[in-house]
Amino acid sequence: MVRVETFMIQIRVDQLLAEHGRTFYWLAKETGISHTTLWRLKKGKALGINFETLEKMCQALKCQPGDVLALAHMKKGAMNGAKNGAKRRGTGSPARKKQK
């Protein structure tokens, strides 16, 4: 088994709220972002973040997008990970053509 590091974007909403002495409820009310959306971001369940959502969070918390987002890497035991696949494909390789 080969250990492969993969990268994951984390949303640092809990840390930022703690630094500002604010609550999760306050952020939802202040930004107009639904509680469900903020919860999914907080728990790592969201597949992405809308720029408008990120901007509202930054305005409310008086921070930059880089303060909200953090790149964290995790180790996984896998034979074919993202890191190995990227090396095989290389950068700048043309996209595959559809077969007819």
Protein backbone atom coordinates (compact mmCIF):
# COMPACT_ATOMS: atom_id res chain seq x y z
CA MET A 1 0.00 0.00 0.00
CA VAL A 2 1.29 3.46 -0.93
CA ARG A 3 0.61 6.53 1.19
CA VAL A 4 -0.64 9.46 -0.84
CA GLU A 5 -1.26 12.99 0.32
CA THR A 6 -4.38 14.68 -0.98
CA PHE A 7 -5.34 18.28 -0.46
CA MET A 8 -8.60 19.61 0.84
CA ILE A 9 -9.91 23.14 1.21
CA GLN A 10 -11.18 23.82 4.71
CA ILE A 11 -13.56 26.59 5.69
CA ARG A 12 -12.29 28.25 8.87
CA VAL A 13 -15.61 29.77 9.93
CA ASP A 14 -15.47 28.48 13.53
CA GLN A 15 -11.99 29.91 14.11
CA LEU A 16 -12.91 33.29 12.63
CA LEU A 17 -16.10 33.53 14.67
CA ALA A 18 -14.17 32.71 17.85
CA GLU A 19 -11.54 35.37 17.03
CA HIS A 20 -14.30 37.96 16.56
CA GLY A 21 -16.34 36.84 19.58
CA ARG A 22 -19.34 36.13 17.34
CA THR A 23 -21.71 33.21 17.02
CA PHE A 24 -22.77 31.08 14.09
CA TYR A 25 -26.30 32.47 14.51
CA TRP A 26 -24.95 36.04 14.29
CA LEU A 27 -23.17 35.26 11.00
CA ALA A 28 -26.34 33.85 9.45
CA LYS A 29 -28.34 36.92 10.46
CA GLU A 30 -25.60 39.40 9.50
CA THR A 31 -24.98 37.96 6.04
CA GLY A 32 -28.40 36.65 5.06
CA ILE A 33 -26.75 33.31 4.26
CA SER A 34 -29.00 30.43 5.21
CA HIS A 35 -28.17 28.50 8.34
CA THR A 36 -28.11 25.30 6.24
CA THR A 37 -25.49 26.71 3.85
CA LEU A 38 -23.28 27.89 6.71
CA TRP A 39 -23.68 24.55 8.51
CA ARG A 40 -22.64 22.62 5.37
CA LEU A 41 -19.56 24.84 5.00
CA LYS A 42 -18.69 24.50 8.68
CA LYS A 43 -19.02 20.69 8.66
CA GLY A 44 -17.11 20.23 5.39
CA LYS A 45 -20.21 18.91 3.62
CA ALA A 46 -20.29 21.59 0.91
CA LEU A 47 -18.88 20.76 -2.52
CA GLY A 48 -18.02 24.40 -3.20
CA ILE A 49 -18.61 27.97 -2.16
CA ASN A 50 -20.26 30.70 -4.17
CA PHE A 51 -18.20 33.90 -4.52
CA GLU A 52 -21.16 35.94 -3.26
CA THR A 53 -21.32 33.78 -0.12
CA LEU A 54 -17.58 34.12 0.43
CA GLU A 55 -17.77 37.89 -0.07
CA LYS A 56 -20.63 38.25 2.45
CA MET A 57 -18.69 36.22 5.01
CA CYS A 58 -15.58 38.34 4.48
CA GLN A 59 -17.52 41.59 4.80
CA ALA A 60 -19.23 40.49 8.02
CA LEU A 61 -16.00 39.18 9.57
CA LYS A 62 -13.84 41.99 8.14
CA CYS A 63 -11.36 39.56 6.63
CA GLN A 64 -9.93 38.36 3.31
CA PRO A 65 -10.98 35.19 1.42
CA GLY A 66 -7.66 33.60 2.38
CA ASP A 67 -8.64 33.96 6.04
CA VAL A 68 -11.82 31.94 5.44
CA LEU A 69 -10.24 29.25 3.23
CA ALA A 70 -7.29 27.09 4.25
CA LEU A 71 -5.49 24.39 2.31
CA ALA A 72 -4.98 21.32 4.47
CA HIS A 73 -3.47 18.06 3.37
CA MET A 74 -4.49 14.68 4.60
CA LYS A 75 -2.75 11.35 4.20
CA LYS A 76 -4.67 8.49 2.65
CA GLY A 77 -3.65 4.91 2.03
CA ALA A 78 -4.32 4.40 -1.67
CA MET A 79 -2.72 2.89 -4.71
CA ASN A 80 -3.86 5.52 -7.21
CA GLY A 81 -4.20 8.93 -5.59
CA ALA A 82 -4.59 12.38 -7.07
CA LYS A 83 -0.89 13.12 -6.68
CA ASN A 84 0.20 10.05 -8.64
CA GLY A 85 -2.43 10.61 -11.32
CA ALA A 86 -1.26 14.19 -11.86
CA LYS A 87 2.30 12.99 -12.45
CA ARG A 88 1.16 10.47 -15.06
CA ARG A 89 -0.91 12.97 -17.01
CA GLY A 90 1.57 15.78 -16.73
CA THR A 91 0.72 19.42 -17.14
CA GLY A 92 -0.47 20.77 -20.41
CA SER A 93 -1.52 17.40 -21.80
CA PRO A 94 -4.40 17.70 -24.27
CA ALA A 95 -7.87 16.63 -23.21
CA ARG A 96 -9.11 13.27 -24.42
CA LYS A 97 -11.28 13.30 -27.53
CA LYS A 98 -14.66 11.63 -27.45
CA GLN A 99 -14.80 8.39 -29.33
CA LYS A 100 -17.52 8.15 -31.98
